[in-house]
Amino acid sequence: MKKLLVTTLVGALVVAPVAFAAKSNGEGKQRGGHPAMKMMKQLDLTDEQKAQVKEIMQQHKPQANAEQRQAMYQQRMEIITAASFDEGAAQAFIDVQQANHQTRMMNMLQAQQEIYQVLTPEQQQKYQELSAKKMEKQQKRMQKGDKKAQL
């Protein structure tokens, strides 16, 4: 009985990752990806435009490396696990995080502006329409959330 149980568990551990990998390779719903790239798929870009967009995205790709992420994680854990709360250390950590976020946002906006300039006037119009629809959808979702919070 134990052999059967162990064999079943080992089989499940071997098969499960393969099944998930197969599902993420186009069989199931894919999530993630850059939001700007999702919208670009709806704009019927030419091959040349796709190449330009790809180059722009590559130029503005975040440069955080594993060492920086590990250092930020360590600082966060030191603040959390300290015997007493060090407000100065927490504020310094927050300031660095905000500066990093501001830099990422600036790069993202610059990339989006450069991509927008690659589009034809018709594609720019469609981009604006898609952006407006996305904003409406987000506002409706937020209103639903507000109503649920009030209940």
C-alpha atoms as a PDB file:
ATOM      1  CA  MET A   1       0.000   0.000   0.000  1.00  0.00           C
ATOM      2  CA  LYS A   2       2.827   2.381   0.884  1.00  0.00           C
ATOM      3  CA  LYS A   3       4.560   1.656  -2.429  1.00  0.00           C
ATOM      4  CA  LEU A   4       1.380   2.522  -4.306  1.00  0.00           C
ATOM      5  CA  LEU A   5       0.988   5.777  -2.395  1.00  0.00           C
ATOM      6  CA  VAL A   6       4.633   6.777  -2.937  1.00  0.00           C
ATOM      7  CA  THR A   7       4.467   5.866  -6.631  1.00  0.00           C
ATOM      8  CA  THR A   8       1.292   7.908  -7.063  1.00  0.00           C
ATOM      9  CA  LEU A   9       2.789  10.947  -5.326  1.00  0.00           C
ATOM     10  CA  VAL A  10       6.031  10.759  -7.309  1.00  0.00           C
ATOM     11  CA  GLY A  11       4.056  10.386 -10.535  1.00  0.00           C
ATOM     12  CA  ALA A  12       1.952  13.432  -9.675  1.00  0.00           C
ATOM     13  CA  LEU A  13       5.066  15.458  -8.914  1.00  0.00           C
ATOM     14  CA  VAL A  14       6.551  14.532 -12.275  1.00  0.00           C
ATOM     15  CA  VAL A  15       3.400  14.986 -14.368  1.00  0.00           C
ATOM     16  CA  ALA A  16       2.049  18.214 -12.801  1.00  0.00           C
ATOM     17  CA  PRO A  17       4.882  20.548 -13.936  1.00  0.00           C
ATOM     18  CA  VAL A  18       4.705  19.112 -17.456  1.00  0.00           C
ATOM     19  CA  ALA A  19       0.938  19.658 -17.562  1.00  0.00           C
ATOM     20  CA  PHE A  20       1.275  23.243 -16.375  1.00  0.00           C
ATOM     21  CA  ALA A  21       4.040  23.913 -18.893  1.00  0.00           C
ATOM     22  CA  ALA A  22       1.898  22.530 -21.715  1.00  0.00           C
ATOM     23  CA  LYS A  23      -1.039  24.669 -20.646  1.00  0.00           C
ATOM     24  CA  SER A  24       1.077  27.837 -20.579  1.00  0.00           C
ATOM     25  CA  ASN A  25       2.397  27.128 -24.085  1.00  0.00           C
ATOM     26  CA  GLY A  26      -0.796  28.210 -25.788  1.00  0.00           C
ATOM     27  CA  GLU A  27      -3.320  25.619 -24.681  1.00  0.00           C
ATOM     28  CA  GLY A  28      -4.619  27.664 -21.769  1.00  0.00           C
ATOM     29  CA  LYS A  29      -5.210  31.305 -21.072  1.00  0.00           C
ATOM     30  CA  GLN A  30      -1.932  33.165 -20.973  1.00  0.00           C
ATOM     31  CA  ARG A  31      -1.493  35.911 -18.472  1.00  0.00           C
ATOM     32  CA  GLY A  32       1.156  38.499 -18.027  1.00  0.00           C
ATOM     33  CA  GLY A  33       3.060  40.287 -20.691  1.00  0.00           C
ATOM     34  CA  HIS A  34       3.465  43.997 -21.031  1.00  0.00           C
ATOM     35  CA  PRO A  35       0.123  45.860 -21.247  1.00  0.00           C
ATOM     36  CA  ALA A  36       1.424  48.054 -24.057  1.00  0.00           C
ATOM     37  CA  MET A  37       2.291  44.961 -26.084  1.00  0.00           C
ATOM     38  CA  LYS A  38      -1.211  43.558 -25.603  1.00  0.00           C
ATOM     39  CA  MET A  39      -2.676  46.748 -27.038  1.00  0.00           C
ATOM     40  CA  MET A  40      -0.183  46.740 -29.908  1.00  0.00           C
ATOM     41  CA  LYS A  41      -1.578  43.379 -31.046  1.00  0.00           C
ATOM     42  CA  GLN A  42      -4.936  45.060 -31.622  1.00  0.00           C
ATOM     43  CA  LEU A  43      -3.440  47.784 -33.829  1.00  0.00           C
ATOM     44  CA  ASP A  44      -2.404  45.586 -36.779  1.00  0.00           C
ATOM     45  CA  LEU A  45       1.219  46.698 -36.836  1.00  0.00           C
ATOM     46  CA  THR A  46       3.391  46.128 -39.868  1.00  0.00           C
ATOM     47  CA  ASP A  47       6.490  43.957 -39.479  1.00  0.00           C
ATOM     48  CA  GLU A  48       8.636  47.101 -39.503  1.00  0.00           C
ATOM     49  CA  GLN A  49       6.523  48.695 -36.758  1.00  0.00           C
ATOM     50  CA  LYS A  50       6.707  45.485 -34.701  1.00  0.00           C
ATOM     51  CA  ALA A  51      10.501  45.554 -34.979  1.00  0.00           C
ATOM     52  CA  GLN A  52      10.592  49.229 -33.936  1.00  0.00           C
ATOM     53  CA  VAL A  53       8.275  48.598 -30.977  1.00  0.00           C
ATOM     54  CA  LYS A  54      10.376  45.632 -29.889  1.00  0.00           C
ATOM     55  CA  GLU A  55      13.537  47.749 -30.050  1.00  0.00           C
ATOM     56  CA  ILE A  56      11.922  50.552 -28.037  1.00  0.00           C
ATOM     57  CA  MET A  57      10.727  48.086 -25.393  1.00  0.00           C
ATOM     58  CA  GLN A  58      14.211  46.573 -25.199  1.00  0.00           C
ATOM     59  CA  GLN A  59      15.781  50.022 -24.722  1.00  0.00           C
ATOM     60  CA  HIS A  60      13.428  50.830 -21.849  1.00  0.00           C
ATOM     61  CA  LYS A  61      13.540  47.438 -20.163  1.00  0.00           C
ATOM     62  CA  PRO A  62      13.978  47.704 -16.373  1.00  0.00           C
ATOM     63  CA  GLN A  63      17.596  47.228 -15.340  1.00  0.00           C
ATOM     64  CA  ALA A  64      17.113  45.850 -11.814  1.00  0.00           C
ATOM     65  CA  ASN A  65      19.324  42.854 -11.267  1.00  0.00           C
ATOM     66  CA  ALA A  66      19.088  39.941  -8.861  1.00  0.00           C
ATOM     67  CA  GLU A  67      21.662  41.467  -6.487  1.00  0.00           C
ATOM     68  CA  GLN A  68      19.656  44.687  -6.144  1.00  0.00           C
ATOM     69  CA  ARG A  69      16.422  42.773  -5.530  1.00  0.00           C
ATOM     70  CA  GLN A  70      18.159  40.610  -2.932  1.00  0.00           C
ATOM     71  CA  ALA A  71      19.560  43.688  -1.175  1.00  0.00           C
ATOM     72  CA  MET A  72      16.129  45.337  -1.080  1.00  0.00           C
ATOM     73  CA  TYR A  73      14.607  42.131   0.274  1.00  0.00           C
ATOM     74  CA  GLN A  74      17.279  41.967   2.991  1.00  0.00           C
ATOM     75  CA  GLN A  75      16.656  45.584   4.023  1.00  0.00           C
ATOM     76  CA  ARG A  76      12.919  44.951   4.179  1.00  0.00           C
ATOM     77  CA  MET A  77      13.398  41.829   6.276  1.00  0.00           C
ATOM     78  CA  GLU A  78      15.777  43.649   8.649  1.00  0.00           C
ATOM     79  CA  ILE A  79      13.128  46.308   9.256  1.00  0.00           C
ATOM     80  CA  ILE A  80      10.364  43.741   9.766  1.00  0.00           C
ATOM     81  CA  THR A  81      12.320  41.386  12.021  1.00  0.00           C
ATOM     82  CA  ALA A  82      13.999  44.030  14.191  1.00  0.00           C
ATOM     83  CA  ALA A  83      13.219  43.974  17.912  1.00  0.00           C
ATOM     84  CA  SER A  84      11.804  47.495  17.637  1.00  0.00           C
ATOM     85  CA  PHE A  85      10.522  49.516  14.692  1.00  0.00           C
ATOM     86  CA  ASP A  86      13.165  51.827  13.203  1.00  0.00           C
ATOM     87  CA  GLU A  87      11.160  54.578  11.543  1.00  0.00           C
ATOM     88  CA  GLY A  88      14.262  56.157  10.008  1.00  0.00           C
ATOM     89  CA  ALA A  89      15.331  52.912   8.337  1.00  0.00           C
ATOM     90  CA  ALA A  90      11.758  52.306   7.160  1.00  0.00           C
ATOM     91  CA  GLN A  91      11.529  55.815   5.701  1.00  0.00           C
ATOM     92  CA  ALA A  92      14.895  55.413   3.935  1.00  0.00           C
ATOM     93  CA  PHE A  93      13.699  52.101   2.492  1.00  0.00           C
ATOM     94  CA  ILE A  94      10.440  53.697   1.309  1.00  0.00           C
ATOM     95  CA  ASP A  95      12.325  56.615  -0.255  1.00  0.00           C
ATOM     96  CA  VAL A  96      14.521  54.244  -2.274  1.00  0.00           C
ATOM     97  CA  GLN A  97      11.489  52.211  -3.348  1.00  0.00           C
ATOM     98  CA  GLN A  98       9.657  55.365  -4.439  1.00  0.00           C
ATOM     99  CA  ALA A  99      12.673  56.598  -6.402  1.00  0.00           C
ATOM    100  CA  ASN A 100      12.933  53.228  -8.151  1.00  0.00           C
ATOM    101  CA  HIS A 101       9.210  53.287  -8.923  1.00  0.00           C
ATOM    102  CA  GLN A 102       9.458  56.822 -10.287  1.00  0.00           C
ATOM    103  CA  THR A 103      12.328  55.800 -12.572  1.00  0.00           C
ATOM    104  CA  ARG A 104      10.377  52.773 -13.857  1.00  0.00           C
ATOM    105  CA  MET A 105       7.306  54.923 -14.499  1.00  0.00           C
ATOM    106  CA  MET A 106       9.375  57.521 -16.365  1.00  0.00           C
ATOM    107  CA  ASN A 107      10.914  54.810 -18.566  1.00  0.00           C
ATOM    108  CA  MET A 108       7.497  53.285 -19.235  1.00  0.00           C
ATOM    109  CA  LEU A 109       5.955  56.627 -20.225  1.00  0.00           C
ATOM    110  CA  GLN A 110       8.903  57.469 -22.461  1.00  0.00           C
ATOM    111  CA  ALA A 111       8.656  54.071 -24.163  1.00  0.00           C
ATOM    112  CA  GLN A 112       4.912  54.471 -24.680  1.00  0.00           C
ATOM    113  CA  GLN A 113       5.403  57.933 -26.179  1.00  0.00           C
ATOM    114  CA  GLU A 114       8.084  56.641 -28.544  1.00  0.00           C
ATOM    115  CA  ILE A 115       5.862  53.723 -29.577  1.00  0.00           C
ATOM    116  CA  TYR A 116       2.941  56.068 -30.176  1.00  0.00           C
ATOM    117  CA  GLN A 117       5.125  58.047 -32.600  1.00  0.00           C
ATOM    118  CA  VAL A 118       5.754  54.849 -34.614  1.00  0.00           C
ATOM    119  CA  LEU A 119       2.008  54.421 -35.241  1.00  0.00           C
ATOM    120  CA  THR A 120       0.168  55.737 -38.279  1.00  0.00           C
ATOM    121  CA  PRO A 121      -2.527  58.392 -37.658  1.00  0.00           C
ATOM    122  CA  GLU A 122      -5.226  55.695 -37.975  1.00  0.00           C
ATOM    123  CA  GLN A 123      -3.431  53.457 -35.490  1.00  0.00           C
ATOM    124  CA  GLN A 124      -2.984  56.412 -33.125  1.00  0.00           C
ATOM    125  CA  GLN A 125      -6.738  57.033 -33.254  1.00  0.00           C
ATOM    126  CA  LYS A 126      -7.446  53.360 -32.529  1.00  0.00           C
ATOM    127  CA  TYR A 127      -4.887  53.447 -29.698  1.00  0.00           C
ATOM    128  CA  GLN A 128      -6.718  56.383 -28.131  1.00  0.00           C
ATOM    129  CA  GLU A 129     -10.057  54.587 -28.466  1.00  0.00           C
ATOM    130  CA  LEU A 130      -8.672  51.398 -26.902  1.00  0.00           C
ATOM    131  CA  SER A 131      -7.137  53.420 -24.072  1.00  0.00           C
ATOM    132  CA  ALA A 132     -10.452  55.163 -23.399  1.00  0.00           C
ATOM    133  CA  LYS A 133     -12.295  51.816 -23.327  1.00  0.00           C
ATOM    134  CA  LYS A 134      -9.700  50.408 -20.940  1.00  0.00           C
ATOM    135  CA  MET A 135     -10.132  53.427 -18.649  1.00  0.00           C
ATOM    136  CA  GLU A 136     -13.928  53.045 -18.649  1.00  0.00           C
ATOM    137  CA  LYS A 137     -13.588  49.375 -17.789  1.00  0.00           C
ATOM    138  CA  GLN A 138     -11.225  50.164 -14.897  1.00  0.00           C
ATOM    139  CA  GLN A 139     -13.570  52.844 -13.557  1.00  0.00           C
ATOM    140  CA  LYS A 140     -16.524  50.432 -13.627  1.00  0.00           C
ATOM    141  CA  ARG A 141     -14.455  47.834 -11.804  1.00  0.00           C
ATOM    142  CA  MET A 142     -13.467  50.403  -9.173  1.00  0.00           C
ATOM    143  CA  GLN A 143     -17.091  51.479  -8.717  1.00  0.00           C
ATOM    144  CA  LYS A 144     -18.093  47.841  -8.177  1.00  0.00           C
ATOM    145  CA  GLY A 145     -15.366  47.571  -5.562  1.00  0.00           C
ATOM    146  CA  ASP A 146     -16.582  50.741  -3.820  1.00  0.00           C
ATOM    147  CA  LYS A 147     -20.141  49.372  -3.693  1.00  0.00           C
ATOM    148  CA  LYS A 148     -18.927  46.077  -2.219  1.00  0.00           C
ATOM    149  CA  ALA A 149     -16.898  47.939   0.403  1.00  0.00           C
ATOM    150  CA  GLN A 150     -19.972  49.880   1.481  1.00  0.00           C
ATOM    151  CA  LEU A 151     -22.004  46.716   2.117  1.00  0.00           C
END
